[in-house]
Every structure is written in C-alpha cells, then in structure tokens.
PDB file of N, CA and C in Angstrom:
ATOM      1  N   MET A   1      69.292   8.359 109.850  1.00  0.00           N
ATOM      2  CA  MET A   1      70.402   8.863 110.620  1.00  0.00           C
ATOM      3  C   MET A   1      71.029   7.753 111.461  1.00  0.00           C
ATOM      4  N   SER A   2      70.232   6.936 112.081  1.00  0.00           N
ATOM      5  CA  SER A   2      70.759   5.881 112.945  1.00  0.00           C
ATOM      6  C   SER A   2      71.501   4.820 112.153  1.00  0.00           C
ATOM      7  N   ILE A   3      71.004   4.500 110.961  1.00  0.00           N
ATOM      8  CA  ILE A   3      71.681   3.492 110.147  1.00  0.00           C
ATOM      9  C   ILE A   3      73.039   4.028 109.697  1.00  0.00           C
ATOM     10  N   GLY A   4      73.106   5.302 109.337  1.00  0.00           N
ATOM     11  CA  GLY A   4      74.382   5.920 108.971  1.00  0.00           C
ATOM     12  C   GLY A   4      75.355   5.918 110.139  1.00  0.00           C
ATOM     13  N   ALA A   5      74.854   6.162 111.343  1.00  0.00           N
ATOM     14  CA  ALA A   5      75.710   6.154 112.521  1.00  0.00           C
ATOM     15  C   ALA A   5      76.227   4.747 112.806  1.00  0.00           C
ATOM     16  N   ILE A   6      75.404   3.749 112.550  1.00  0.00           N
ATOM     17  CA  ILE A   6      75.856   2.363 112.735  1.00  0.00           C
ATOM     18  C   ILE A   6      76.981   2.050 111.749  1.00  0.00           C
ATOM     19  N   LYS A   7      76.834   2.486 110.504  1.00  0.00           N
ATOM     20  CA  LYS A   7      77.893   2.269 109.503  1.00  0.00           C
ATOM     21  C   LYS A   7      79.182   2.969 109.908  1.00  0.00           C
ATOM     22  N   GLN A   8      79.057   4.193 110.427  1.00  0.00           N
ATOM     23  CA  GLN A   8      80.244   4.936 110.855  1.00  0.00           C
ATOM     24  C   GLN A   8      80.900   4.267 112.055  1.00  0.00           C
ATOM     25  N   GLY A   9      80.093   3.793 112.986  1.00  0.00           N
ATOM     26  CA  GLY A   9      80.641   3.089 114.137  1.00  0.00           C
ATOM     27  C   GLY A   9      81.346   1.811 113.730  1.00  0.00           C
ATOM     28  N   LEU A  10      80.758   1.097 112.794  1.00  0.00           N
ATOM     29  CA  LEU A  10      81.365  -0.147 112.314  1.00  0.00           C
ATOM     30  C   LEU A  10      82.688   0.130 111.597  1.00  0.00           C
ATOM     31  N   SER A  11      82.728   1.178 110.795  1.00  0.00           N
ATOM     32  CA  SER A  11      83.988   1.511 110.114  1.00  0.00           C
ATOM     33  C   SER A  11      85.044   1.923 111.138  1.00  0.00           C
ATOM     34  N   GLY A  12      84.632   2.624 112.192  1.00  0.00           N
ATOM     35  CA  GLY A  12      85.570   2.998 113.253  1.00  0.00           C
ATOM     36  C   GLY A  12      86.110   1.781 113.982  1.00  0.00           C
ATOM     37  N   MET A  13      85.222   0.832 114.311  1.00  0.00           N
ATOM     38  CA  MET A  13      85.662  -0.378 114.996  1.00  0.00           C
ATOM     39  C   MET A  13      86.646  -1.165 114.134  1.00  0.00           C
ATOM     40  N   THR A  14      86.352  -1.269 112.844  1.00  0.00           N
ATOM     41  CA  THR A  14      87.232  -1.988 111.925  1.00  0.00           C
ATOM     42  C   THR A  14      88.594  -1.308 111.831  1.00  0.00           C
ATOM     43  N   ALA A  15      88.584   0.022 111.698  1.00  0.00           N
ATOM     44  CA  ALA A  15      89.841   0.760 111.576  1.00  0.00           C
ATOM     45  C   ALA A  15      90.671   0.647 112.847  1.00  0.00           C
ATOM     46  N   TYR A  16      90.038   0.808 113.996  1.00  0.00           N
ATOM     47  CA  TYR A  16      90.780   0.726 115.251  1.00  0.00           C
ATOM     48  C   TYR A  16      91.289  -0.684 115.512  1.00  0.00           C
ATOM     49  N   GLN A  17      90.545  -1.702 115.079  1.00  0.00           N
ATOM     50  CA  GLN A  17      91.026  -3.073 115.239  1.00  0.00           C
ATOM     51  C   GLN A  17      92.276  -3.306 114.395  1.00  0.00           C
ATOM     52  N   LYS A  18      92.282  -2.797 113.162  1.00  0.00           N
ATOM     53  CA  LYS A  18      93.466  -2.927 112.304  1.00  0.00           C
ATOM     54  C   LYS A  18      94.651  -2.173 112.908  1.00  0.00           C
ATOM     55  N   ALA A  19      94.373  -1.004 113.492  1.00  0.00           N
ATOM     56  CA  ALA A  19      95.443  -0.225 114.121  1.00  0.00           C
ATOM     57  C   ALA A  19      96.008  -0.962 115.333  1.00  0.00           C
ATOM     58  N   LEU A  20      95.134  -1.576 116.132  1.00  0.00           N
ATOM     59  CA  LEU A  20      95.597  -2.370 117.272  1.00  0.00           C
ATOM     60  C   LEU A  20      96.433  -3.556 116.817  1.00  0.00           C
ATOM     61  N   ASP A  21      96.014  -4.207 115.744  1.00  0.00           N
ATOM     62  CA  ASP A  21      96.779  -5.324 115.186  1.00  0.00           C
ATOM     63  C   ASP A  21      98.177  -4.866 114.760  1.00  0.00           C
ATOM     64  N   CYS A  22      98.241  -3.713 114.118  1.00  0.00           N
ATOM     65  CA  CYS A  22      99.525  -3.170 113.658  1.00  0.00           C
ATOM     66  C   CYS A  22     100.429  -2.865 114.852  1.00  0.00           C
ATOM     67  N   SER A  23      99.865  -2.249 115.871  1.00  0.00           N
ATOM     68  CA  SER A  23     100.648  -1.927 117.066  1.00  0.00           C
ATOM     69  C   SER A  23     101.149  -3.198 117.745  1.00  0.00           C
ATOM     70  N   GLY A  24     100.305  -4.216 117.826  1.00  0.00           N
ATOM     71  CA  GLY A  24     100.715  -5.494 118.392  1.00  0.00           C
ATOM     72  C   GLY A  24     101.835  -6.130 117.591  1.00  0.00           C
ATOM     73  N   HIS A  25     101.754  -6.021 116.281  1.00  0.00           N
ATOM     74  CA  HIS A  25     102.802  -6.552 115.399  1.00  0.00           C
ATOM     75  C   HIS A  25     104.128  -5.838 115.659  1.00  0.00           C
ATOM     76  N   ASN A  26     104.066  -4.510 115.812  1.00  0.00           N
ATOM     77  CA  ASN A  26     105.284  -3.741 116.081  1.00  0.00           C
ATOM     78  C   ASN A  26     105.908  -4.141 117.418  1.00  0.00           C
ATOM     79  N   VAL A  27     105.070  -4.302 118.446  1.00  0.00           N
ATOM     80  CA  VAL A  27     105.580  -4.669 119.769  1.00  0.00           C
ATOM     81  C   VAL A  27     106.151  -6.089 119.742  1.00  0.00           C
ATOM     82  N   ALA A  28     105.457  -6.989 119.077  1.00  0.00           N
ATOM     83  CA  ALA A  28     105.919  -8.381 119.017  1.00  0.00           C
ATOM     84  C   ALA A  28     107.272  -8.515 118.334  1.00  0.00           C
ATOM     85  N   ASN A  29     107.583  -7.602 117.428  1.00  0.00           N
ATOM     86  CA  ASN A  29     108.850  -7.669 116.693  1.00  0.00           C
ATOM     87  C   ASN A  29     109.864  -6.631 117.158  1.00  0.00           C
ATOM     88  N   ALA A  30     109.640  -6.057 118.327  1.00  0.00           N
ATOM     89  CA  ALA A  30     110.521  -4.996 118.821  1.00  0.00           C
ATOM     90  C   ALA A  30     111.961  -5.469 119.007  1.00  0.00           C
ATOM     91  N   CYS A  31     112.151  -6.734 119.289  1.00  0.00           N
ATOM     92  CA  CYS A  31     113.505  -7.270 119.515  1.00  0.00           C
ATOM     93  C   CYS A  31     114.076  -7.955 118.280  1.00  0.00           C
ATOM     94  N   THR A  32     113.381  -7.871 117.159  1.00  0.00           N
ATOM     95  CA  THR A  32     113.837  -8.510 115.930  1.00  0.00           C
ATOM     96  C   THR A  32     114.826  -7.601 115.214  1.00  0.00           C
ATOM     97  N   ASP A  33     115.994  -8.134 114.924  1.00  0.00           N
ATOM     98  CA  ASP A  33     116.996  -7.344 114.207  1.00  0.00           C
ATOM     99  C   ASP A  33     116.467  -6.909 112.846  1.00  0.00           C
ATOM    100  N   ASN A  34     116.777  -5.675 112.480  1.00  0.00           N
ATOM    101  CA  ASN A  34     116.431  -5.076 111.188  1.00  0.00           C
ATOM    102  C   ASN A  34     114.936  -4.916 110.955  1.00  0.00           C
ATOM    103  N   PHE A  35     114.117  -5.016 112.003  1.00  0.00           N
ATOM    104  CA  PHE A  35     112.672  -4.855 111.838  1.00  0.00           C
ATOM    105  C   PHE A  35     112.345  -3.379 111.680  1.00  0.00           C
ATOM    106  N   LYS A  36     111.550  -3.081 110.673  1.00  0.00           N
ATOM    107  CA  LYS A  36     111.069  -1.718 110.444  1.00  0.00           C
ATOM    108  C   LYS A  36     109.604  -1.680 110.837  1.00  0.00           C
ATOM    109  N   SER A  37     109.292  -0.863 111.821  1.00  0.00           N
ATOM    110  CA  SER A  37     107.919  -0.822 112.322  1.00  0.00           C
ATOM    111  C   SER A  37     106.979  -0.203 111.296  1.00  0.00           C
ATOM    112  N   GLN A  38     105.709  -0.534 111.455  1.00  0.00           N
ATOM    113  CA  GLN A  38     104.671   0.001 110.580  1.00  0.00           C
ATOM    114  C   GLN A  38     103.992   1.166 111.275  1.00  0.00           C
ATOM    115  N   GLN A  39     103.479   2.090 110.490  1.00  0.00           N
ATOM    116  CA  GLN A  39     102.760   3.206 111.079  1.00  0.00           C
ATOM    117  C   GLN A  39     101.341   3.241 110.541  1.00  0.00           C
ATOM    118  N   VAL A  40     100.455   3.785 111.356  1.00  0.00           N
ATOM    119  CA  VAL A  40      99.031   3.820 111.063  1.00  0.00           C
ATOM    120  C   VAL A  40      98.633   5.234 110.700  1.00  0.00           C
ATOM    121  N   ASP A  41      97.812   5.360 109.665  1.00  0.00           N
ATOM    122  CA  ASP A  41      97.310   6.666 109.245  1.00  0.00           C
ATOM    123  C   ASP A  41      95.806   6.538 109.014  1.00  0.00           C
ATOM    124  N   PHE A  42      95.026   7.256 109.826  1.00  0.00           N
ATOM    125  CA  PHE A  42      93.574   7.229 109.683  1.00  0.00           C
ATOM    126  C   PHE A  42      93.153   8.221 108.615  1.00  0.00           C
ATOM    127  N   GLN A  43      92.169   7.817 107.807  1.00  0.00           N
ATOM    128  CA  GLN A  43      91.670   8.679 106.742  1.00  0.00           C
ATOM    129  C   GLN A  43      90.152   8.741 106.829  1.00  0.00           C
ATOM    130  N   GLU A  44      89.629   9.951 106.871  1.00  0.00           N
ATOM    131  CA  GLU A  44      88.187  10.153 106.934  1.00  0.00           C
ATOM    132  C   GLU A  44      87.587   9.919 105.549  1.00  0.00           C
ATOM    133  N   LEU A  45      86.480   9.188 105.516  1.00  0.00           N
ATOM    134  CA  LEU A  45      85.797   8.933 104.256  1.00  0.00           C
ATOM    135  C   LEU A  45      84.820  10.057 103.967  1.00  0.00           C
ATOM    136  N   GLN A  46      84.631  10.357 102.707  1.00  0.00           N
ATOM    137  CA  GLN A  46      83.753  11.457 102.318  1.00  0.00           C
ATOM    138  C   GLN A  46      82.304  11.190 102.716  1.00  0.00           C
ATOM    139  N   GLU A  47      81.863   9.926 102.622  1.00  0.00           N
ATOM    140  CA  GLU A  47      80.478   9.591 102.964  1.00  0.00           C
ATOM    141  C   GLU A  47      80.295   9.327 104.455  1.00  0.00           C
ATOM    142  N   GLY A  48      81.346   9.523 105.237  1.00  0.00           N
ATOM    143  CA  GLY A  48      81.299   9.288 106.677  1.00  0.00           C
ATOM    144  C   GLY A  48      82.042   8.018 107.032  1.00  0.00           C
ATOM    145  N   GLY A  49      82.575   7.975 108.193  1.00  0.00           N
ATOM    146  CA  GLY A  49      83.341   6.820 108.625  1.00  0.00           C
ATOM    147  C   GLY A  49      84.830   7.068 108.443  1.00  0.00           C
ATOM    148  N   VAL A  50      85.581   6.023 108.671  1.00  0.00           N
ATOM    149  CA  VAL A  50      87.034   6.150 108.638  1.00  0.00           C
ATOM    150  C   VAL A  50      87.652   4.834 108.167  1.00  0.00           C
ATOM    151  N   ILE A  51      88.793   4.938 107.512  1.00  0.00           N
ATOM    152  CA  ILE A  51      89.586   3.758 107.173  1.00  0.00           C
ATOM    153  C   ILE A  51      90.998   4.001 107.690  1.00  0.00           C
ATOM    154  N   VAL A  52      91.770   2.943 107.750  1.00  0.00           N
ATOM    155  CA  VAL A  52      93.148   3.068 108.220  1.00  0.00           C
ATOM    156  C   VAL A  52      94.085   2.568 107.130  1.00  0.00           C
ATOM    157  N   ASN A  53      95.155   3.307 106.928  1.00  0.00           N
ATOM    158  CA  ASN A  53      96.208   2.914 106.002  1.00  0.00           C
ATOM    159  C   ASN A  53      97.438   2.564 106.827  1.00  0.00           C
ATOM    160  N   ILE A  54      98.014   1.409 106.556  1.00  0.00           N
ATOM    161  CA  ILE A  54      99.200   0.965 107.276  1.00  0.00           C
ATOM    162  C   ILE A  54     100.365   0.971 106.305  1.00  0.00           C
ATOM    163  N   SER A  55     101.444   1.634 106.708  1.00  0.00           N
ATOM    164  CA  SER A  55     102.605   1.739 105.823  1.00  0.00           C
ATOM    165  C   SER A  55     103.874   1.474 106.611  1.00  0.00           C
ATOM    166  N   GLN A  56     104.929   1.166 105.878  1.00  0.00           N
ATOM    167  CA  GLN A  56     106.232   0.947 106.494  1.00  0.00           C
ATOM    168  C   GLN A  56     106.784   2.294 106.901  1.00  0.00           C
ATOM    169  N   GLN A  57     107.327   2.368 108.097  1.00  0.00           N
ATOM    170  CA  GLN A  57     107.892   3.616 108.579  1.00  0.00           C
ATOM    171  C   GLN A  57     109.173   3.929 107.834  1.00  0.00           C
ATOM    172  N   ALA A  58     109.490   5.198 107.738  1.00  0.00           N
ATOM    173  CA  ALA A  58     110.730   5.597 107.078  1.00  0.00           C
ATOM    174  C   ALA A  58     111.909   4.931 107.759  1.00  0.00           C
ATOM    175  N   GLU A  59     112.871   4.537 106.975  1.00  0.00           N
ATOM    176  CA  GLU A  59     113.995   3.767 107.497  1.00  0.00           C
ATOM    177  C   GLU A  59     114.880   4.623 108.387  1.00  0.00           C
ATOM    178  N   GLN A  60     115.073   4.146 109.617  1.00  0.00           N
ATOM    179  CA  GLN A  60     115.982   4.783 110.558  1.00  0.00           C
ATOM    180  C   GLN A  60     116.992   3.713 110.966  1.00  0.00           C
ATOM    181  N   LEU A  61     118.192   3.855 110.510  1.00  0.00           N
ATOM    182  CA  LEU A  61     119.208   2.838 110.774  1.00  0.00           C
ATOM    183  C   LEU A  61     119.800   3.004 112.161  1.00  0.00           C
ATOM    184  N   ARG A  62     119.954   1.873 112.848  1.00  0.00           N
ATOM    185  CA  ARG A  62     120.695   1.830 114.102  1.00  0.00           C
ATOM    186  C   ARG A  62     121.933   0.988 113.828  1.00  0.00           C
ATOM    187  N   LEU A  63     123.051   1.622 113.928  1.00  0.00           N
ATOM    188  CA  LEU A  63     124.297   0.919 113.604  1.00  0.00           C
ATOM    189  C   LEU A  63     125.041   0.592 114.887  1.00  0.00           C
ATOM    190  N   ASP A  64     125.636  -0.601 114.918  1.00  0.00           N
ATOM    191  CA  ASP A  64     126.469  -0.951 116.062  1.00  0.00           C
ATOM    192  C   ASP A  64     127.913  -0.551 115.774  1.00  0.00           C
ATOM    193  N   SER A  65     128.833  -0.974 116.599  1.00  0.00           N
ATOM    194  CA  SER A  65     130.223  -0.515 116.495  1.00  0.00           C
ATOM    195  C   SER A  65     130.896  -0.858 115.170  1.00  0.00           C
ATOM    196  N   ASP A  66     130.486  -1.932 114.507  1.00  0.00           N
ATOM    197  CA  ASP A  66     131.114  -2.265 113.220  1.00  0.00           C
ATOM    198  C   ASP A  66     130.237  -1.859 112.031  1.00  0.00           C
ATOM    199  N   ASN A  67     129.390  -0.853 112.222  1.00  0.00           N
ATOM    200  CA  ASN A  67     128.554  -0.245 111.180  1.00  0.00           C
ATOM    201  C   ASN A  67     127.577  -1.209 110.512  1.00  0.00           C
ATOM    202  N   THR A  68     127.066  -2.172 111.231  1.00  0.00           N
ATOM    203  CA  THR A  68     126.008  -3.027 110.716  1.00  0.00           C
ATOM    204  C   THR A  68     124.723  -2.697 111.463  1.00  0.00           C
ATOM    205  N   GLN A  69     123.625  -2.782 110.742  1.00  0.00           N
ATOM    206  CA  GLN A  69     122.341  -2.431 111.346  1.00  0.00           C
ATOM    207  C   GLN A  69     121.958  -3.481 112.388  1.00  0.00           C
ATOM    208  N   THR A  70     121.417  -3.004 113.490  1.00  0.00           N
ATOM    209  CA  THR A  70     121.021  -3.906 114.560  1.00  0.00           C
ATOM    210  C   THR A  70     119.706  -3.432 115.178  1.00  0.00           C
ATOM    211  N   GLY A  71     118.989  -4.340 115.795  1.00  0.00           N
ATOM    212  CA  GLY A  71     117.753  -3.986 116.491  1.00  0.00           C
ATOM    213  C   GLY A  71     116.645  -3.577 115.546  1.00  0.00           C
ATOM    214  N   SER A  72     115.579  -3.072 116.129  1.00  0.00           N
ATOM    215  CA  SER A  72     114.448  -2.585 115.339  1.00  0.00           C
ATOM    216  C   SER A  72     114.254  -1.108 115.638  1.00  0.00           C
ATOM    217  N   ASP A  73     113.383  -0.478 114.867  1.00  0.00           N
ATOM    218  CA  ASP A  73     113.121   0.945 115.098  1.00  0.00           C
ATOM    219  C   ASP A  73     111.818   1.164 115.868  1.00  0.00           C
ATOM    220  N   THR A  74     111.324   0.136 116.550  1.00  0.00           N
ATOM    221  CA  THR A  74     110.076   0.232 117.291  1.00  0.00           C
ATOM    222  C   THR A  74     110.282   1.018 118.580  1.00  0.00           C
ATOM    223  N   ASP A  75     109.468   2.043 118.771  1.00  0.00           N
ATOM    224  CA  ASP A  75     109.471   2.845 119.998  1.00  0.00           C
ATOM    225  C   ASP A  75     108.362   2.293 120.893  1.00  0.00           C
ATOM    226  N   LEU A  76     108.736   1.539 121.920  1.00  0.00           N
ATOM    227  CA  LEU A  76     107.743   0.860 122.754  1.00  0.00           C
ATOM    228  C   LEU A  76     106.833   1.842 123.509  1.00  0.00           C
ATOM    229  N   ALA A  77     107.372   2.954 123.958  1.00  0.00           N
ATOM    230  CA  ALA A  77     106.543   3.940 124.658  1.00  0.00           C
ATOM    231  C   ALA A  77     105.455   4.482 123.722  1.00  0.00           C
ATOM    232  N   LYS A  78     105.842   4.770 122.504  1.00  0.00           N
ATOM    233  CA  LYS A  78     104.883   5.256 121.507  1.00  0.00           C
ATOM    234  C   LYS A  78     103.822   4.197 121.215  1.00  0.00           C
ATOM    235  N   GLU A  79     104.226   2.945 121.131  1.00  0.00           N
ATOM    236  CA  GLU A  79     103.281   1.863 120.841  1.00  0.00           C
ATOM    237  C   GLU A  79     102.286   1.668 121.988  1.00  0.00           C
ATOM    238  N   ILE A  80     102.734   1.843 123.218  1.00  0.00           N
ATOM    239  CA  ILE A  80     101.813   1.728 124.362  1.00  0.00           C
ATOM    240  C   ILE A  80     100.767   2.835 124.311  1.00  0.00           C
ATOM    241  N   VAL A  81     101.210   4.052 124.071  1.00  0.00           N
ATOM    242  CA  VAL A  81     100.274   5.179 123.976  1.00  0.00           C
ATOM    243  C   VAL A  81      99.303   4.977 122.823  1.00  0.00           C
ATOM    244  N   ASN A  82      99.819   4.559 121.670  1.00  0.00           N
ATOM    245  CA  ASN A  82      98.952   4.314 120.516  1.00  0.00           C
ATOM    246  C   ASN A  82      97.928   3.226 120.820  1.00  0.00           C
ATOM    247  N   SER A  83      98.352   2.154 121.468  1.00  0.00           N
ATOM    248  CA  SER A  83      97.433   1.061 121.796  1.00  0.00           C
ATOM    249  C   SER A  83      96.297   1.541 122.686  1.00  0.00           C
ATOM    250  N   LEU A  84      96.619   2.381 123.656  1.00  0.00           N
ATOM    251  CA  LEU A  84      95.570   2.926 124.535  1.00  0.00           C
ATOM    252  C   LEU A  84      94.600   3.811 123.744  1.00  0.00           C
ATOM    253  N   GLN A  85      95.129   4.616 122.846  1.00  0.00           N
ATOM    254  CA  GLN A  85      94.268   5.467 122.024  1.00  0.00           C
ATOM    255  C   GLN A  85      93.376   4.622 121.118  1.00  0.00           C
ATOM    256  N   TYR A  86      93.941   3.595 120.511  1.00  0.00           N
ATOM    257  CA  TYR A  86      93.160   2.736 119.622  1.00  0.00           C
ATOM    258  C   TYR A  86      92.084   1.983 120.393  1.00  0.00           C
ATOM    259  N   GLN A  87      92.406   1.553 121.603  1.00  0.00           N
ATOM    260  CA  GLN A  87      91.431   0.850 122.432  1.00  0.00           C
ATOM    261  C   GLN A  87      90.258   1.766 122.766  1.00  0.00           C
ATOM    262  N   HIS A  88      90.540   3.001 123.163  1.00  0.00           N
ATOM    263  CA  HIS A  88      89.467   3.941 123.483  1.00  0.00           C
ATOM    264  C   HIS A  88      88.644   4.291 122.242  1.00  0.00           C
ATOM    265  N   GLY A  89      89.302   4.432 121.108  1.00  0.00           N
ATOM    266  CA  GLY A  89      88.575   4.695 119.867  1.00  0.00           C
ATOM    267  C   GLY A  89      87.645   3.554 119.503  1.00  0.00           C
ATOM    268  N   PHE A  90      88.125   2.322 119.690  1.00  0.00           N
ATOM    269  CA  PHE A  90      87.301   1.146 119.424  1.00  0.00           C
ATOM    270  C   PHE A  90      86.072   1.147 120.342  1.00  0.00           C
ATOM    271  N   GLU A  91      86.286   1.417 121.633  1.00  0.00           N
ATOM    272  CA  GLU A  91      85.180   1.436 122.597  1.00  0.00           C
ATOM    273  C   GLU A  91      84.170   2.538 122.275  1.00  0.00           C
ATOM    274  N   LEU A  92      84.649   3.701 121.859  1.00  0.00           N
ATOM    275  CA  LEU A  92      83.729   4.791 121.490  1.00  0.00           C
ATOM    276  C   LEU A  92      82.916   4.435 120.246  1.00  0.00           C
ATOM    277  N   SER A  93      83.554   3.778 119.297  1.00  0.00           N
ATOM    278  CA  SER A  93      82.833   3.351 118.097  1.00  0.00           C
ATOM    279  C   SER A  93      81.767   2.319 118.452  1.00  0.00           C
ATOM    280  N   ALA A  94      82.082   1.422 119.381  1.00  0.00           N
ATOM    281  CA  ALA A  94      81.101   0.430 119.829  1.00  0.00           C
ATOM    282  C   ALA A  94      79.928   1.110 120.544  1.00  0.00           C
ATOM    283  N   GLN A  95      80.217   2.140 121.333  1.00  0.00           N
ATOM    284  CA  GLN A  95      79.145   2.887 122.001  1.00  0.00           C
ATOM    285  C   GLN A  95      78.250   3.591 120.991  1.00  0.00           C
ATOM    286  N   LEU A  96      78.830   4.117 119.932  1.00  0.00           N
ATOM    287  CA  LEU A  96      78.049   4.765 118.882  1.00  0.00           C
ATOM    288  C   LEU A  96      77.066   3.777 118.273  1.00  0.00           C
ATOM    289  N   ILE A  97      77.525   2.563 118.019  1.00  0.00           N
ATOM    290  CA  ILE A  97      76.639   1.534 117.465  1.00  0.00           C
ATOM    291  C   ILE A  97      75.537   1.193 118.460  1.00  0.00           C
ATOM    292  N   ARG A  98      75.899   1.041 119.734  1.00  0.00           N
ATOM    293  CA  ARG A  98      74.913   0.712 120.771  1.00  0.00           C
ATOM    294  C   ARG A  98      73.829   1.786 120.869  1.00  0.00           C
ATOM    295  N   ARG A  99      74.241   3.040 120.915  1.00  0.00           N
ATOM    296  CA  ARG A  99      73.271   4.152 121.046  1.00  0.00           C
ATOM    297  C   ARG A  99      72.395   4.260 119.793  1.00  0.00           C
ATOM    298  N   SER A 100      72.973   4.062 118.641  1.00  0.00           N
ATOM    299  CA  SER A 100      72.198   4.105 117.401  1.00  0.00           C
ATOM    300  C   SER A 100      71.176   2.981 117.360  1.00  0.00           C
ATOM    301  N   ASP A 101      71.561   1.819 117.835  1.00  0.00           N
ATOM    302  CA  ASP A 101      70.647   0.690 117.902  1.00  0.00           C
ATOM    303  C   ASP A 101      69.489   0.995 118.851  1.00  0.00           C
ATOM    304  N   GLU A 102      69.802   1.622 119.978  1.00  0.00           N
ATOM    305  CA  GLU A 102      68.750   2.006 120.925  1.00  0.00           C
ATOM    306  C   GLU A 102      67.784   3.012 120.292  1.00  0.00           C
ATOM    307  N   MET A 103      68.322   3.965 119.532  1.00  0.00           N
ATOM    308  CA  MET A 103      67.469   4.951 118.865  1.00  0.00           C
ATOM    309  C   MET A 103      66.562   4.274 117.844  1.00  0.00           C
ATOM    310  N   LEU A 104      67.105   3.369 117.060  1.00  0.00           N
ATOM    311  CA  LEU A 104      66.296   2.652 116.075  1.00  0.00           C
ATOM    312  C   LEU A 104      65.214   1.825 116.763  1.00  0.00           C
ATOM    313  N   ASP A 105      65.565   1.193 117.862  1.00  0.00           N
ATOM    314  CA  ASP A 105      64.594   0.405 118.622  1.00  0.00           C
ATOM    315  C   ASP A 105      63.464   1.284 119.127  1.00  0.00           C
ATOM    316  N   SER A 106      63.793   2.475 119.629  1.00  0.00           N
ATOM    317  CA  SER A 106      62.776   3.404 120.110  1.00  0.00           C
ATOM    318  C   SER A 106      61.859   3.854 118.972  1.00  0.00           C
ATOM    319  N   LEU A 107      62.453   4.117 117.812  1.00  0.00           N
ATOM    320  CA  LEU A 107      61.634   4.532 116.659  1.00  0.00           C
ATOM    321  C   LEU A 107      60.697   3.429 116.216  1.00  0.00           C
ATOM    322  N   LEU A 108      61.168   2.205 116.223  1.00  0.00           N
ATOM    323  CA  LEU A 108      60.308   1.078 115.817  1.00  0.00           C
ATOM    324  C   LEU A 108      59.177   0.850 116.827  1.00  0.00           C
ATOM    325  N   LYS A 109      59.441   1.081 118.088  1.00  0.00           N
ATOM    326  CA  LYS A 109      58.400   0.912 119.111  1.00  0.00           C
ATOM    327  C   LYS A 109      57.332   1.985 118.980  1.00  0.00           C
ATOM    328  N   ILE A 110      57.707   3.166 118.521  1.00  0.00           N
ATOM    329  CA  ILE A 110      56.734   4.255 118.336  1.00  0.00           C
ATOM    330  C   ILE A 110      55.759   3.881 117.228  1.00  0.00           C
ATOM    331  N   LYS A 111      56.265   3.285 116.157  1.00  0.00           N
ATOM    332  CA  LYS A 111      55.388   2.903 115.042  1.00  0.00           C
ATOM    333  C   LYS A 111      54.592   1.727 115.460  1.00  0.00           C
TER     334      LYS A 111
END
C-alpha cells in the first residue's frame, strides 16, 4: 500500500509541476501578440495516480480597430488562481510521499 501511495504521490507531483510550467508559460507570454494560451487537463489513471494533458486553448480572436488580431488570450486572474491550486496540489502530493515513507519506515522497524 505504501509503495503504491508513493507512486501516486510522484505522479501527482509530476503532473502539478507540468501544470505550473504551463501556467508560467501562459503568464510569460501574456503580452505577446497573437499568443494562444495553453490549458491543462488532469486525467486520472486507472492504476492510480494522475497525468496532465496540455492543449492549445480554443481560438478567441481579439480584434483592434482595423480588424487585425492583437494581444493574447491569456486571462491573468485565471492563471494566478490556477497557479495557487497547482502549488497546493504539488505540496499535498509531496506530503503523501512523506507520510508513505514514514509508514514504510515504521513497518521495516517492526520487522
């Protein structure tokens, strides 16, 4: 059970790190003309754990007065909220690994 929990925690940490990277990429390019932000989609694995799929967001055109696309479609408020959620998810996954390691250590000391 503890080894499975460590694997699940590790997959969570990996997924949340990729999600944080994606959010950082979106924020870094928020002022780039014609930038289309990426969106994150978490997928639960059948054997436990999680992976993240990153895809291009649906195109939302912002047109200026002469009908040319300008700016990016990055919503900075949404990216801040997402970053906080991803950070907490990463920390919870790390805690899962820590607690599982403690349980395994206790079991080994009993033997």
